[in-house]
N, C-alpha and C. Protein backbone atom coordinates (compact mmCIF):
# COMPACT_ATOMS: atom_id res chain seq x y z
N MET A 1 128.00 36.91 46.47
CA MET A 1 127.17 35.94 45.77
C MET A 1 125.87 36.56 45.27
N GLU A 2 125.42 37.63 45.88
CA GLU A 2 124.17 38.26 45.46
C GLU A 2 124.24 38.71 44.01
N ASN A 3 125.38 39.23 43.61
CA ASN A 3 125.53 39.68 42.22
C ASN A 3 125.61 38.51 41.25
N PHE A 4 126.05 37.37 41.73
CA PHE A 4 126.21 36.22 40.84
C PHE A 4 124.86 35.71 40.32
N ILE A 5 123.81 35.91 41.04
CA ILE A 5 122.48 35.47 40.60
C ILE A 5 122.08 36.15 39.29
N ILE A 6 122.66 37.28 39.01
CA ILE A 6 122.36 38.00 37.76
C ILE A 6 122.77 37.17 36.55
N TYR A 7 123.89 36.46 36.60
CA TYR A 7 124.40 35.73 35.44
C TYR A 7 123.45 34.63 34.95
N PRO A 8 123.00 33.73 35.84
CA PRO A 8 122.05 32.74 35.33
C PRO A 8 120.73 33.37 34.88
N ALA A 9 120.39 34.51 35.48
CA ALA A 9 119.17 35.19 35.06
C ALA A 9 119.29 35.69 33.62
N LEU A 10 120.51 36.05 33.21
CA LEU A 10 120.73 36.49 31.82
C LEU A 10 120.61 35.32 30.84
N LEU A 11 121.09 34.16 31.25
CA LEU A 11 121.06 32.98 30.38
C LEU A 11 119.67 32.36 30.34
N PHE A 12 118.91 32.53 31.40
CA PHE A 12 117.63 31.84 31.57
C PHE A 12 116.65 32.06 30.40
N PRO A 13 116.39 33.28 29.93
CA PRO A 13 115.41 33.42 28.84
C PRO A 13 115.93 32.95 27.48
N ALA A 14 117.24 32.95 27.29
CA ALA A 14 117.80 32.57 26.00
C ALA A 14 117.56 31.10 25.68
N ILE A 15 117.68 30.26 26.68
CA ILE A 15 117.58 28.82 26.44
C ILE A 15 116.19 28.41 25.97
N PRO A 16 115.10 28.78 26.65
CA PRO A 16 113.78 28.38 26.15
C PRO A 16 113.46 28.96 24.77
N LEU A 17 113.94 30.16 24.49
CA LEU A 17 113.70 30.75 23.16
C LEU A 17 114.39 29.92 22.08
N MET A 18 115.61 29.51 22.34
CA MET A 18 116.32 28.68 21.37
C MET A 18 115.67 27.30 21.26
N MET A 19 115.19 26.77 22.38
CA MET A 19 114.52 25.46 22.33
C MET A 19 113.26 25.53 21.47
N THR A 20 112.55 26.63 21.54
CA THR A 20 111.37 26.82 20.69
C THR A 20 111.78 26.84 19.23
N ASN A 21 112.85 27.53 18.93
CA ASN A 21 113.37 27.58 17.57
C ASN A 21 113.75 26.19 17.09
N PHE A 22 114.43 25.42 17.94
CA PHE A 22 114.83 24.07 17.57
C PHE A 22 113.60 23.19 17.32
N THR A 23 112.59 23.36 18.13
CA THR A 23 111.36 22.57 17.96
C THR A 23 110.70 22.87 16.62
N HIS A 24 110.67 24.12 16.23
CA HIS A 24 110.10 24.49 14.92
C HIS A 24 110.91 23.86 13.79
N ARG A 25 112.21 23.87 13.91
CA ARG A 25 113.07 23.26 12.88
C ARG A 25 112.81 21.76 12.82
N TYR A 26 112.69 21.13 13.97
CA TYR A 26 112.43 19.69 14.03
C TYR A 26 111.10 19.37 13.34
N ASN A 27 110.06 20.14 13.67
CA ASN A 27 108.75 19.91 13.06
C ASN A 27 108.78 20.11 11.56
N SER A 28 109.53 21.10 11.09
CA SER A 28 109.66 21.33 9.65
C SER A 28 110.33 20.16 8.95
N CYS A 29 111.40 19.66 9.54
CA CYS A 29 112.10 18.50 8.96
C CYS A 29 111.20 17.28 8.96
N ALA A 30 110.50 17.05 10.05
CA ALA A 30 109.60 15.90 10.15
C ALA A 30 108.49 16.00 9.09
N ALA A 31 107.97 17.19 8.88
CA ALA A 31 106.93 17.37 7.86
C ALA A 31 107.48 17.08 6.45
N LEU A 32 108.71 17.48 6.19
CA LEU A 32 109.32 17.19 4.89
C LEU A 32 109.52 15.69 4.70
N VAL A 33 109.94 15.00 5.74
CA VAL A 33 110.11 13.55 5.64
C VAL A 33 108.77 12.88 5.34
N ARG A 34 107.73 13.31 6.04
CA ARG A 34 106.39 12.74 5.80
C ARG A 34 105.93 13.01 4.36
N LYS A 35 106.19 14.22 3.89
CA LYS A 35 105.79 14.60 2.53
C LYS A 35 106.53 13.75 1.50
N ILE A 36 107.83 13.62 1.66
CA ILE A 36 108.61 12.81 0.72
C ILE A 36 108.18 11.35 0.78
N HIS A 37 107.96 10.86 1.98
CA HIS A 37 107.50 9.48 2.13
C HIS A 37 106.18 9.26 1.40
N ALA A 38 105.24 10.18 1.59
CA ALA A 38 103.94 10.06 0.93
C ALA A 38 104.09 10.11 -0.60
N GLU A 39 104.97 10.98 -1.08
CA GLU A 39 105.18 11.07 -2.53
C GLU A 39 105.75 9.77 -3.09
N ILE A 40 106.70 9.18 -2.38
CA ILE A 40 107.30 7.92 -2.84
C ILE A 40 106.25 6.82 -2.86
N ILE A 41 105.42 6.76 -1.82
CA ILE A 41 104.41 5.70 -1.73
C ILE A 41 103.29 5.93 -2.74
N GLU A 42 102.74 7.15 -2.80
CA GLU A 42 101.61 7.45 -3.68
C GLU A 42 101.98 7.35 -5.16
N LYS A 43 103.14 7.90 -5.51
CA LYS A 43 103.56 7.89 -6.91
C LYS A 43 104.28 6.60 -7.29
N LYS A 44 104.47 5.72 -6.30
CA LYS A 44 105.16 4.45 -6.52
C LYS A 44 106.49 4.67 -7.23
N ILE A 45 107.26 5.59 -6.66
CA ILE A 45 108.55 5.93 -7.25
C ILE A 45 109.55 4.83 -6.94
N ASP A 46 110.25 4.40 -7.98
CA ASP A 46 111.29 3.39 -7.81
C ASP A 46 112.53 4.08 -7.22
N THR A 47 112.99 3.55 -6.10
CA THR A 47 114.13 4.19 -5.43
C THR A 47 115.45 3.94 -6.15
N LYS A 48 115.40 3.19 -7.24
CA LYS A 48 116.62 2.93 -8.01
C LYS A 48 116.80 3.90 -9.18
N ASP A 49 115.71 4.59 -9.58
CA ASP A 49 115.87 5.55 -10.67
C ASP A 49 116.38 6.89 -10.13
N VAL A 50 116.60 7.84 -11.03
CA VAL A 50 117.21 9.12 -10.65
C VAL A 50 116.36 9.86 -9.62
N MET A 51 115.07 9.96 -9.88
CA MET A 51 114.19 10.68 -8.96
C MET A 51 114.12 9.98 -7.61
N GLY A 52 114.04 8.67 -7.63
CA GLY A 52 114.00 7.91 -6.39
C GLY A 52 115.26 8.08 -5.56
N ARG A 53 116.42 8.06 -6.24
CA ARG A 53 117.69 8.26 -5.53
C ARG A 53 117.76 9.66 -4.92
N ARG A 54 117.16 10.62 -5.62
CA ARG A 54 117.12 11.99 -5.09
C ARG A 54 116.30 12.05 -3.80
N TYR A 55 115.15 11.40 -3.84
CA TYR A 55 114.31 11.35 -2.64
C TYR A 55 115.03 10.67 -1.48
N ILE A 56 115.70 9.58 -1.78
CA ILE A 56 116.42 8.85 -0.73
C ILE A 56 117.54 9.73 -0.15
N ALA A 57 118.24 10.45 -1.00
CA ALA A 57 119.30 11.36 -0.52
C ALA A 57 118.71 12.45 0.38
N GLN A 58 117.56 12.98 -0.02
CA GLN A 58 116.90 14.00 0.81
C GLN A 58 116.50 13.42 2.16
N ILE A 59 115.96 12.21 2.15
CA ILE A 59 115.54 11.58 3.40
C ILE A 59 116.75 11.34 4.31
N LYS A 60 117.87 10.91 3.73
CA LYS A 60 119.08 10.70 4.54
C LYS A 60 119.54 12.00 5.17
N THR A 61 119.54 13.08 4.39
CA THR A 61 119.94 14.38 4.92
C THR A 61 118.98 14.83 6.01
N LEU A 62 117.69 14.70 5.77
CA LEU A 62 116.70 15.11 6.76
C LEU A 62 116.80 14.26 8.03
N THR A 63 117.07 12.97 7.87
CA THR A 63 117.23 12.10 9.03
C THR A 63 118.41 12.55 9.88
N TYR A 64 119.52 12.90 9.22
CA TYR A 64 120.68 13.39 9.96
C TYR A 64 120.37 14.71 10.66
N ARG A 65 119.67 15.59 9.95
CA ARG A 65 119.31 16.88 10.55
C ARG A 65 118.39 16.69 11.75
N ILE A 66 117.45 15.76 11.67
CA ILE A 66 116.54 15.50 12.79
C ILE A 66 117.32 14.97 13.99
N LYS A 67 118.27 14.07 13.75
CA LYS A 67 119.10 13.57 14.85
C LYS A 67 119.90 14.72 15.47
N LEU A 68 120.42 15.59 14.63
CA LEU A 68 121.19 16.73 15.12
C LEU A 68 120.31 17.66 15.96
N ILE A 69 119.10 17.92 15.49
CA ILE A 69 118.18 18.80 16.21
C ILE A 69 117.78 18.17 17.56
N LYS A 70 117.55 16.85 17.57
CA LYS A 70 117.23 16.18 18.84
C LYS A 70 118.39 16.33 19.83
N LEU A 71 119.61 16.20 19.35
CA LEU A 71 120.78 16.38 20.21
C LEU A 71 120.85 17.82 20.72
N ILE A 72 120.58 18.78 19.83
CA ILE A 72 120.58 20.19 20.22
C ILE A 72 119.52 20.44 21.30
N GLN A 73 118.34 19.89 21.11
CA GLN A 73 117.27 20.07 22.10
C GLN A 73 117.66 19.44 23.44
N THR A 74 118.27 18.27 23.40
CA THR A 74 118.70 17.61 24.63
C THR A 74 119.74 18.45 25.37
N LEU A 75 120.73 18.93 24.64
CA LEU A 75 121.77 19.76 25.26
C LEU A 75 121.17 21.05 25.83
N SER A 76 120.23 21.64 25.11
CA SER A 76 119.59 22.86 25.60
C SER A 76 118.77 22.58 26.86
N GLY A 77 118.08 21.46 26.87
CA GLY A 77 117.31 21.08 28.07
C GLY A 77 118.23 20.86 29.26
N LEU A 78 119.36 20.20 29.04
CA LEU A 78 120.33 20.01 30.12
C LEU A 78 120.92 21.35 30.58
N ALA A 79 121.14 22.25 29.62
CA ALA A 79 121.65 23.58 29.98
C ALA A 79 120.64 24.33 30.84
N LEU A 80 119.36 24.22 30.49
CA LEU A 80 118.32 24.88 31.27
C LEU A 80 118.27 24.29 32.69
N PHE A 81 118.31 22.97 32.78
CA PHE A 81 118.28 22.32 34.09
C PHE A 81 119.50 22.71 34.92
N THR A 82 120.67 22.72 34.29
CA THR A 82 121.90 23.10 35.00
C THR A 82 121.85 24.55 35.43
N ASN A 83 121.23 25.39 34.60
CA ASN A 83 121.06 26.80 34.97
C ASN A 83 120.15 26.92 36.19
N LEU A 84 119.12 26.09 36.25
CA LEU A 84 118.26 26.07 37.43
C LEU A 84 119.04 25.63 38.67
N LEU A 85 119.92 24.65 38.50
CA LEU A 85 120.77 24.22 39.61
C LEU A 85 121.69 25.36 40.07
N THR A 86 122.15 26.15 39.12
CA THR A 86 122.98 27.32 39.46
C THR A 86 122.22 28.25 40.40
N ILE A 87 120.97 28.51 40.05
CA ILE A 87 120.15 29.40 40.87
C ILE A 87 119.90 28.77 42.24
N PHE A 88 119.59 27.47 42.25
CA PHE A 88 119.33 26.79 43.52
C PHE A 88 120.55 26.83 44.43
N PHE A 89 121.72 26.45 43.91
CA PHE A 89 122.92 26.44 44.74
C PHE A 89 123.35 27.85 45.13
N GLY A 90 123.06 28.82 44.29
CA GLY A 90 123.31 30.21 44.69
C GLY A 90 122.40 30.62 45.83
N TYR A 91 121.16 30.13 45.79
CA TYR A 91 120.19 30.44 46.83
C TYR A 91 120.59 29.86 48.19
N ILE A 92 121.13 28.65 48.17
CA ILE A 92 121.54 28.04 49.45
C ILE A 92 123.01 28.37 49.77
N GLU A 93 123.56 29.31 49.04
CA GLU A 93 124.90 29.86 49.27
C GLU A 93 126.03 28.83 49.15
N GLU A 94 125.89 27.98 48.16
CA GLU A 94 126.97 27.05 47.79
C GLU A 94 127.62 27.61 46.53
N SER A 95 128.46 28.63 46.71
CA SER A 95 128.97 29.39 45.57
C SER A 95 129.84 28.56 44.62
N ASN A 96 130.68 27.67 45.13
CA ASN A 96 131.52 26.87 44.24
C ASN A 96 130.69 25.95 43.35
N ILE A 97 129.73 25.28 43.95
CA ILE A 97 128.85 24.40 43.16
C ILE A 97 128.04 25.23 42.18
N SER A 98 127.58 26.36 42.61
CA SER A 98 126.80 27.24 41.75
C SER A 98 127.62 27.71 40.55
N LEU A 99 128.86 28.10 40.78
CA LEU A 99 129.73 28.54 39.69
C LEU A 99 130.01 27.40 38.71
N ASN A 100 130.24 26.21 39.25
CA ASN A 100 130.48 25.05 38.38
C ASN A 100 129.25 24.72 37.54
N CYS A 101 128.09 24.79 38.15
CA CYS A 101 126.85 24.53 37.41
C CYS A 101 126.65 25.57 36.31
N PHE A 102 126.94 26.81 36.62
CA PHE A 102 126.79 27.86 35.61
C PHE A 102 127.76 27.64 34.44
N GLY A 103 128.99 27.29 34.76
CA GLY A 103 129.96 26.99 33.70
C GLY A 103 129.52 25.84 32.83
N LEU A 104 128.95 24.81 33.46
CA LEU A 104 128.44 23.66 32.72
C LEU A 104 127.26 24.07 31.84
N ALA A 105 126.38 24.90 32.38
CA ALA A 105 125.22 25.37 31.60
C ALA A 105 125.67 26.15 30.37
N VAL A 106 126.62 27.03 30.55
CA VAL A 106 127.14 27.82 29.42
C VAL A 106 127.80 26.91 28.40
N GLY A 107 128.59 25.92 28.89
CA GLY A 107 129.24 24.98 27.98
C GLY A 107 128.25 24.15 27.18
N LEU A 108 127.24 23.62 27.85
CA LEU A 108 126.21 22.82 27.16
C LEU A 108 125.47 23.66 26.12
N PHE A 109 125.12 24.87 26.51
CA PHE A 109 124.39 25.73 25.58
C PHE A 109 125.29 26.16 24.42
N GLY A 110 126.57 26.36 24.71
CA GLY A 110 127.52 26.70 23.65
C GLY A 110 127.64 25.59 22.62
N ILE A 111 127.73 24.34 23.09
CA ILE A 111 127.79 23.19 22.18
C ILE A 111 126.51 23.11 21.36
N ALA A 112 125.36 23.34 22.00
CA ALA A 112 124.07 23.32 21.29
C ALA A 112 124.05 24.37 20.19
N ILE A 113 124.59 25.54 20.46
CA ILE A 113 124.60 26.60 19.45
C ILE A 113 125.54 26.24 18.29
N ILE A 114 126.67 25.63 18.60
CA ILE A 114 127.59 25.21 17.53
C ILE A 114 126.90 24.17 16.64
N LEU A 115 126.23 23.20 17.24
CA LEU A 115 125.50 22.20 16.46
C LEU A 115 124.36 22.84 15.67
N PHE A 116 123.74 23.85 16.24
CA PHE A 116 122.68 24.58 15.53
C PHE A 116 123.25 25.25 14.28
N ILE A 117 124.42 25.84 14.40
CA ILE A 117 125.06 26.48 13.24
C ILE A 117 125.33 25.44 12.14
N ILE A 118 125.79 24.26 12.54
CA ILE A 118 126.03 23.19 11.57
C ILE A 118 124.73 22.80 10.89
N GLU A 119 123.66 22.66 11.66
CA GLU A 119 122.36 22.29 11.09
C GLU A 119 121.84 23.37 10.14
N VAL A 120 122.03 24.63 10.49
CA VAL A 120 121.60 25.73 9.62
C VAL A 120 122.37 25.68 8.29
N GLN A 121 123.66 25.38 8.36
CA GLN A 121 124.46 25.28 7.14
C GLN A 121 123.96 24.14 6.25
N MET A 122 123.60 23.01 6.87
CA MET A 122 123.04 21.90 6.10
C MET A 122 121.74 22.31 5.42
N SER A 123 120.91 23.02 6.16
CA SER A 123 119.64 23.49 5.62
C SER A 123 119.87 24.44 4.45
N ALA A 124 120.82 25.33 4.61
CA ALA A 124 121.12 26.30 3.54
C ALA A 124 121.63 25.59 2.29
N ARG A 125 122.48 24.58 2.47
CA ARG A 125 122.97 23.81 1.32
C ARG A 125 121.83 23.11 0.59
N ALA A 126 120.87 22.57 1.35
CA ALA A 126 119.73 21.91 0.73
C ALA A 126 118.90 22.90 -0.08
N LEU A 127 118.71 24.09 0.47
CA LEU A 127 117.96 25.11 -0.27
C LEU A 127 118.71 25.54 -1.53
N GLU A 128 120.02 25.68 -1.44
CA GLU A 128 120.81 26.04 -2.62
C GLU A 128 120.68 24.97 -3.70
N TYR A 129 120.65 23.72 -3.29
CA TYR A 129 120.48 22.62 -4.23
C TYR A 129 119.15 22.74 -4.95
N HIS A 130 118.08 23.04 -4.21
CA HIS A 130 116.76 23.20 -4.82
C HIS A 130 116.72 24.43 -5.73
N LEU A 131 117.36 25.49 -5.32
CA LEU A 131 117.41 26.68 -6.17
C LEU A 131 118.17 26.41 -7.46
N THR A 132 119.22 25.61 -7.39
CA THR A 132 119.98 25.25 -8.59
C THR A 132 119.08 24.45 -9.54
N ASP A 133 118.29 23.53 -8.97
CA ASP A 133 117.34 22.76 -9.78
C ASP A 133 116.37 23.70 -10.51
N LEU A 134 115.83 24.67 -9.77
CA LEU A 134 114.90 25.61 -10.38
C LEU A 134 115.59 26.45 -11.45
N LYS A 135 116.81 26.85 -11.20
CA LYS A 135 117.57 27.64 -12.17
C LYS A 135 117.79 26.83 -13.44
N ASP A 136 118.12 25.55 -13.29
CA ASP A 136 118.29 24.68 -14.46
C ASP A 136 116.99 24.56 -15.25
N LYS A 137 115.87 24.43 -14.57
CA LYS A 137 114.57 24.34 -15.24
C LYS A 137 114.25 25.65 -15.95
N GLU A 138 114.58 26.76 -15.30
CA GLU A 138 114.34 28.09 -15.90
C GLU A 138 115.16 28.23 -17.17
N ASP A 139 116.39 27.77 -17.17
CA ASP A 139 117.24 27.85 -18.37
C ASP A 139 116.65 27.02 -19.50
N ASN A 140 116.05 25.87 -19.17
CA ASN A 140 115.44 25.02 -20.20
C ASN A 140 114.15 25.62 -20.75
N ILE A 141 113.43 26.36 -19.92
CA ILE A 141 112.16 26.94 -20.34
C ILE A 141 112.39 28.14 -21.24
N PHE A 142 113.37 28.98 -20.86
CA PHE A 142 113.60 30.19 -21.62
C PHE A 142 114.69 29.94 -22.61
């Protein structure tokens, strides 16, 4: 069991680092929602015209991404807690419980990473959409 303590120690620093990354992504999405909201209110944009529908579509996408990031953060937090339980049960020499906790921690963190990949793909698609808009404007200018 002494060697088993090494495994949760390897996972331990990865989880808080990823949680920090998720928090930055969450804050970025929240800032974009606030910015779009302010633009709609200040410019009195009608949500039924083309520009308004675009803003609404962006807000829907950002809302989904924020929900996804919150789920990722929750799963990562649970993985961190379960990893701590792994260390605790290893310390009191409950190897079966410790192994099960470690497996659960890896599973939770694995699901969080899969959801993170999905969120990154959504973010990349949104950026591609904006780049296409800029490319269209560039074609009209030149």
